[in-house]
Amino acid sequence: LLDGWSLSVNSPEALPATHEMRDLQEPLVTATLITPAEYMGGLIALCEGRGGSQLDQSYLSVDRVVLRYTLPLAEIATEFHDRVKTLSSGYASLDYEPAGMQLADVVALGLRVNGRPVGALTRIVRRTKAEMLG
């Protein structure tokens, strides 16, 4: 916050107004995916589409690949594991561990019902995706 305090935000309703914040940080994870090589392209696209940055790509064998990415925790908290399994026909494995914090460019996306805001439907989303989602 601008007054020098830090605030842990656990829900979109608790997110301070933009003019009250100096910066906003989000937790990161290091994700390790082990997959057959034929599914590598789809998994790379998934990770990069979720704001990931590749740390490493190595081959365990001719047909098995290890991918390591740094990803925002929020991007893997929902549906990520299901997408990994779908893209790899169930053959890929996923493991992740905490990797620190990074500055986040996010906004609260509020929805209105009959012109009134509904707090339970508010989400925190990446600024680049806000217009597409809302």
C-alpha atoms as a PDB file:
ATOM      1  CA  LEU A   1       0.000   0.000   0.000  1.00  0.00           C
ATOM      2  CA  LEU A   2       1.071   3.593  -0.458  1.00  0.00           C
ATOM      3  CA  ASP A   3       1.248   4.149   3.301  1.00  0.00           C
ATOM      4  CA  GLY A   4       4.029   1.555   3.603  1.00  0.00           C
ATOM      5  CA  TRP A   5       1.884  -1.254   4.955  1.00  0.00           C
ATOM      6  CA  SER A   6       1.478  -4.605   3.259  1.00  0.00           C
ATOM      7  CA  LEU A   7      -1.828  -6.408   2.979  1.00  0.00           C
ATOM      8  CA  SER A   8      -2.544 -10.052   2.224  1.00  0.00           C
ATOM      9  CA  VAL A   9      -5.484 -10.267  -0.180  1.00  0.00           C
ATOM     10  CA  ASN A  10      -7.458 -13.503  -0.075  1.00  0.00           C
ATOM     11  CA  SER A  11     -10.559 -12.429  -1.996  1.00  0.00           C
ATOM     12  CA  PRO A  12     -11.378  -9.959  -4.761  1.00  0.00           C
ATOM     13  CA  GLU A  13     -13.481  -7.871  -2.391  1.00  0.00           C
ATOM     14  CA  ALA A  14     -10.391  -7.237  -0.222  1.00  0.00           C
ATOM     15  CA  LEU A  15      -8.350  -5.831  -3.137  1.00  0.00           C
ATOM     16  CA  PRO A  16      -7.656  -2.124  -2.464  1.00  0.00           C
ATOM     17  CA  ALA A  17      -8.336   0.490  -5.120  1.00  0.00           C
ATOM     18  CA  THR A  18      -5.556   0.957  -7.681  1.00  0.00           C
ATOM     19  CA  HIS A  19      -4.747   4.455  -6.431  1.00  0.00           C
ATOM     20  CA  GLU A  20      -4.128   3.062  -2.913  1.00  0.00           C
ATOM     21  CA  MET A  21      -1.528   0.477  -3.990  1.00  0.00           C
ATOM     22  CA  ARG A  22       2.157   0.897  -4.710  1.00  0.00           C
ATOM     23  CA  ASP A  23       2.418  -2.595  -6.175  1.00  0.00           C
ATOM     24  CA  LEU A  24       0.752  -5.973  -6.045  1.00  0.00           C
ATOM     25  CA  GLN A  25       2.646  -9.234  -5.778  1.00  0.00           C
ATOM     26  CA  GLU A  26       1.552 -12.786  -6.462  1.00  0.00           C
ATOM     27  CA  PRO A  27       3.046 -16.157  -5.500  1.00  0.00           C
ATOM     28  CA  LEU A  28       4.968 -18.169  -8.084  1.00  0.00           C
ATOM     29  CA  VAL A  29       5.564 -21.892  -8.442  1.00  0.00           C
ATOM     30  CA  THR A  30       8.152 -23.927 -10.269  1.00  0.00           C
ATOM     31  CA  ALA A  31       6.219 -26.571 -12.184  1.00  0.00           C
ATOM     32  CA  THR A  32       7.804 -29.752 -13.483  1.00  0.00           C
ATOM     33  CA  LEU A  33       6.008 -31.690 -16.193  1.00  0.00           C
ATOM     34  CA  ILE A  34       7.146 -35.087 -17.402  1.00  0.00           C
ATOM     35  CA  THR A  35       5.493 -36.096 -20.646  1.00  0.00           C
ATOM     36  CA  PRO A  36       5.869 -38.225 -23.747  1.00  0.00           C
ATOM     37  CA  ALA A  37       7.576 -36.086 -26.418  1.00  0.00           C
ATOM     38  CA  GLU A  38       4.551 -36.164 -28.725  1.00  0.00           C
ATOM     39  CA  TYR A  39       2.548 -34.029 -26.253  1.00  0.00           C
ATOM     40  CA  MET A  40       5.297 -31.501 -25.565  1.00  0.00           C
ATOM     41  CA  GLY A  41       4.011 -28.793 -27.956  1.00  0.00           C
ATOM     42  CA  GLY A  42       0.557 -28.609 -26.404  1.00  0.00           C
ATOM     43  CA  LEU A  43       1.959 -28.463 -22.885  1.00  0.00           C
ATOM     44  CA  ILE A  44       4.421 -25.713 -23.810  1.00  0.00           C
ATOM     45  CA  ALA A  45       1.541 -23.697 -25.313  1.00  0.00           C
ATOM     46  CA  LEU A  46      -0.515 -24.240 -22.147  1.00  0.00           C
ATOM     47  CA  CYS A  47       2.283 -23.063 -19.849  1.00  0.00           C
ATOM     48  CA  GLU A  48       3.137 -20.036 -21.981  1.00  0.00           C
ATOM     49  CA  GLY A  49      -0.558 -19.137 -22.299  1.00  0.00           C
ATOM     50  CA  ARG A  50      -0.803 -19.107 -18.501  1.00  0.00           C
ATOM     51  CA  GLY A  51       2.049 -16.608 -18.157  1.00  0.00           C
ATOM     52  CA  GLY A  52       4.798 -19.170 -17.620  1.00  0.00           C
ATOM     53  CA  SER A  53       8.457 -18.777 -18.419  1.00  0.00           C
ATOM     54  CA  GLN A  54      10.461 -21.841 -19.350  1.00  0.00           C
ATOM     55  CA  LEU A  55      13.357 -22.724 -17.071  1.00  0.00           C
ATOM     56  CA  ASP A  56      14.450 -25.997 -18.618  1.00  0.00           C
ATOM     57  CA  GLN A  57      13.628 -28.613 -21.207  1.00  0.00           C
ATOM     58  CA  SER A  58      15.459 -31.899 -21.186  1.00  0.00           C
ATOM     59  CA  TYR A  59      14.990 -35.401 -22.516  1.00  0.00           C
ATOM     60  CA  LEU A  60      14.932 -38.358 -20.155  1.00  0.00           C
ATOM     61  CA  SER A  61      14.919 -40.650 -23.183  1.00  0.00           C
ATOM     62  CA  VAL A  62      14.167 -40.421 -26.888  1.00  0.00           C
ATOM     63  CA  ASP A  63      10.426 -40.181 -26.231  1.00  0.00           C
ATOM     64  CA  ARG A  64      10.148 -38.669 -22.712  1.00  0.00           C
ATOM     65  CA  VAL A  65      10.618 -34.958 -21.907  1.00  0.00           C
ATOM     66  CA  VAL A  66      10.933 -32.957 -18.695  1.00  0.00           C
ATOM     67  CA  LEU A  67       9.638 -29.373 -18.889  1.00  0.00           C
ATOM     68  CA  ARG A  68      10.240 -26.899 -16.057  1.00  0.00           C
ATOM     69  CA  TYR A  69       8.340 -23.608 -15.893  1.00  0.00           C
ATOM     70  CA  THR A  70       7.869 -20.751 -13.476  1.00  0.00           C
ATOM     71  CA  LEU A  71       4.146 -19.976 -13.326  1.00  0.00           C
ATOM     72  CA  PRO A  72       1.879 -17.753 -11.219  1.00  0.00           C
ATOM     73  CA  LEU A  73       0.144 -19.908  -8.615  1.00  0.00           C
ATOM     74  CA  ALA A  74      -3.218 -18.405  -9.564  1.00  0.00           C
ATOM     75  CA  GLU A  75      -2.816 -19.753 -13.101  1.00  0.00           C
ATOM     76  CA  ILE A  76      -2.440 -23.353 -11.982  1.00  0.00           C
ATOM     77  CA  ALA A  77      -4.895 -23.302  -9.059  1.00  0.00           C
ATOM     78  CA  THR A  78      -7.910 -24.171 -11.207  1.00  0.00           C
ATOM     79  CA  GLU A  79      -8.189 -26.455 -14.226  1.00  0.00           C
ATOM     80  CA  PHE A  80      -4.455 -26.551 -14.956  1.00  0.00           C
ATOM     81  CA  HIS A  81      -3.972 -30.171 -13.916  1.00  0.00           C
ATOM     82  CA  ASP A  82      -7.067 -31.204 -15.896  1.00  0.00           C
ATOM     83  CA  ARG A  83      -5.730 -29.407 -18.999  1.00  0.00           C
ATOM     84  CA  VAL A  84      -2.337 -31.131 -18.597  1.00  0.00           C
ATOM     85  CA  LYS A  85      -4.045 -34.521 -18.444  1.00  0.00           C
ATOM     86  CA  THR A  86      -6.327 -33.716 -21.385  1.00  0.00           C
ATOM     87  CA  LEU A  87      -3.525 -32.430 -23.610  1.00  0.00           C
ATOM     88  CA  SER A  88      -1.352 -35.453 -22.850  1.00  0.00           C
ATOM     89  CA  SER A  89      -4.099 -38.099 -23.030  1.00  0.00           C
ATOM     90  CA  GLY A  90      -3.436 -38.708 -19.338  1.00  0.00           C
ATOM     91  CA  TYR A  91       0.272 -39.528 -19.732  1.00  0.00           C
ATOM     92  CA  ALA A  92       1.906 -36.365 -18.346  1.00  0.00           C
ATOM     93  CA  SER A  93       2.668 -35.816 -14.679  1.00  0.00           C
ATOM     94  CA  LEU A  94       2.767 -32.482 -12.872  1.00  0.00           C
ATOM     95  CA  ASP A  95       4.607 -31.456  -9.733  1.00  0.00           C
ATOM     96  CA  TYR A  96       5.121 -27.940  -8.381  1.00  0.00           C
ATOM     97  CA  GLU A  97       6.806 -26.149  -5.500  1.00  0.00           C
ATOM     98  CA  PRO A  98       6.825 -22.537  -4.232  1.00  0.00           C
ATOM     99  CA  ALA A  99       9.185 -20.205  -6.098  1.00  0.00           C
ATOM    100  CA  GLY A 100       8.794 -16.797  -4.480  1.00  0.00           C
ATOM    101  CA  MET A 101       6.786 -13.748  -5.497  1.00  0.00           C
ATOM    102  CA  GLN A 102       6.541 -11.448  -8.519  1.00  0.00           C
ATOM    103  CA  LEU A 103       4.801  -8.192  -9.378  1.00  0.00           C
ATOM    104  CA  ALA A 104       1.307  -8.853 -10.693  1.00  0.00           C
ATOM    105  CA  ASP A 105      -0.576  -6.810 -13.278  1.00  0.00           C
ATOM    106  CA  VAL A 106      -4.108  -7.755 -12.239  1.00  0.00           C
ATOM    107  CA  VAL A 107      -7.478  -6.075 -11.768  1.00  0.00           C
ATOM    108  CA  ALA A 108     -10.715  -6.970 -10.014  1.00  0.00           C
ATOM    109  CA  LEU A 109     -13.324  -7.937 -12.607  1.00  0.00           C
ATOM    110  CA  GLY A 110     -16.751  -7.363 -11.116  1.00  0.00           C
ATOM    111  CA  LEU A 111     -20.011  -8.620 -12.545  1.00  0.00           C
ATOM    112  CA  ARG A 112     -23.357  -6.904 -12.209  1.00  0.00           C
ATOM    113  CA  VAL A 113     -26.801  -8.439 -12.025  1.00  0.00           C
ATOM    114  CA  ASN A 114     -29.644  -6.042 -12.837  1.00  0.00           C
ATOM    115  CA  GLY A 115     -27.145  -3.186 -12.686  1.00  0.00           C
ATOM    116  CA  ARG A 116     -25.958  -4.000  -9.152  1.00  0.00           C
ATOM    117  CA  PRO A 117     -22.491  -5.391  -8.383  1.00  0.00           C
ATOM    118  CA  VAL A 118     -22.419  -8.927  -6.972  1.00  0.00           C
ATOM    119  CA  GLY A 119     -19.310  -9.377  -4.822  1.00  0.00           C
ATOM    120  CA  ALA A 120     -19.460 -13.177  -4.937  1.00  0.00           C
ATOM    121  CA  LEU A 121     -19.007 -13.048  -8.730  1.00  0.00           C
ATOM    122  CA  THR A 122     -15.972 -10.729  -8.649  1.00  0.00           C
ATOM    123  CA  ARG A 123     -12.666 -12.254  -9.806  1.00  0.00           C
ATOM    124  CA  ILE A 124      -9.063 -11.110  -9.894  1.00  0.00           C
ATOM    125  CA  VAL A 125      -7.798 -11.469 -13.474  1.00  0.00           C
ATOM    126  CA  ARG A 126      -4.767 -10.441 -15.510  1.00  0.00           C
ATOM    127  CA  ARG A 127      -5.179  -6.960 -16.943  1.00  0.00           C
ATOM    128  CA  THR A 128      -4.456  -8.317 -20.438  1.00  0.00           C
ATOM    129  CA  LYS A 129      -7.370 -10.791 -20.145  1.00  0.00           C
ATOM    130  CA  ALA A 130      -9.871  -8.506 -18.383  1.00  0.00           C
ATOM    131  CA  GLU A 131     -11.526  -7.105 -21.496  1.00  0.00           C
ATOM    132  CA  MET A 132     -11.869 -10.538 -23.113  1.00  0.00           C
ATOM    133  CA  LEU A 133     -13.414 -12.016 -19.950  1.00  0.00           C
ATOM    134  CA  GLY A 134     -15.644  -9.114 -19.009  1.00  0.00           C
END
